[in-house]
Protein backbone atom coordinates (compact mmCIF):
# COMPACT_ATOMS: atom_id res chain seq x y z
CA MET A 1 23.92 66.23 -15.16
CA LYS A 2 27.22 67.86 -16.13
CA ASN A 3 25.81 68.40 -19.61
CA ASP A 4 22.96 70.43 -18.17
CA ILE A 5 25.44 72.58 -16.28
CA ALA A 6 27.55 73.20 -19.37
CA LEU A 7 24.50 74.01 -21.50
CA ARG A 8 23.18 76.33 -18.79
CA ASP A 9 26.55 78.07 -18.63
CA GLY A 10 26.63 78.43 -22.41
CA ALA A 11 23.14 79.90 -22.45
CA THR A 12 24.07 82.22 -19.58
CA GLN A 13 27.06 83.49 -21.58
CA ILE A 14 24.85 84.21 -24.60
CA VAL A 15 22.21 85.99 -22.50
CA TRP A 16 24.97 88.01 -20.83
CA GLN A 17 26.17 89.11 -24.27
CA MET A 18 22.69 90.17 -25.33
CA THR A 19 22.05 92.17 -22.17
CA ARG A 20 25.41 93.95 -22.41
CA LEU A 21 25.13 94.85 -26.12
CA ASP A 22 25.37 98.55 -26.89
CA ILE A 23 25.79 99.08 -30.62
CA SER A 24 26.94 102.67 -30.15
CA GLY A 25 30.29 101.51 -28.71
CA PRO A 26 32.41 99.73 -31.35
CA ALA A 27 35.10 98.64 -28.88
CA HIS A 28 32.50 97.14 -26.57
CA CYS A 29 30.82 95.36 -29.51
CA LEU A 30 34.18 93.88 -30.48
CA MET A 31 34.74 92.64 -26.93
CA LEU A 32 31.34 90.94 -26.95
CA PHE A 33 31.99 89.49 -30.40
CA LYS A 34 35.27 88.02 -29.20
CA SER A 35 33.50 86.51 -26.19
CA ASN A 36 31.57 84.31 -28.66
CA ARG A 37 34.66 82.10 -28.54
CA ASP A 38 33.98 81.42 -24.86
CA ALA A 39 30.31 80.65 -25.53
CA GLY A 40 31.30 78.30 -28.34
CA LEU A 41 33.84 76.50 -26.18
CA ILE A 42 31.31 76.05 -23.38
CA LEU A 43 28.71 74.62 -25.76
CA PHE A 44 31.30 72.40 -27.48
CA ALA A 45 32.37 71.03 -24.11
CA ALA A 46 28.73 70.24 -23.33
CA LEU A 47 28.34 68.33 -26.59
CA VAL A 48 31.56 66.38 -26.05
CA ALA A 49 30.53 65.52 -22.49
CA GLU A 50 27.13 64.32 -23.69
CA ALA A 51 28.66 62.17 -26.41
CA TRP A 52 31.15 60.72 -23.96
CA ALA A 53 28.42 60.00 -21.39
CA HIS A 54 26.33 58.11 -23.93
CA ARG A 55 29.35 56.10 -25.00
CA ILE A 56 29.74 54.54 -21.57
């Protein structure tokens, strides 16, 4: 169940980025690009949690 939450949160982060994208503002684009780190960390945590859950 926690995996679903983490994957949902990761997907939400990516959708948030897509809805906020405005290519006419370079500073804003950079901020969104840097937020990819957060999306990656959320998805990585989901994968680790899933692997750990199947190990038990």
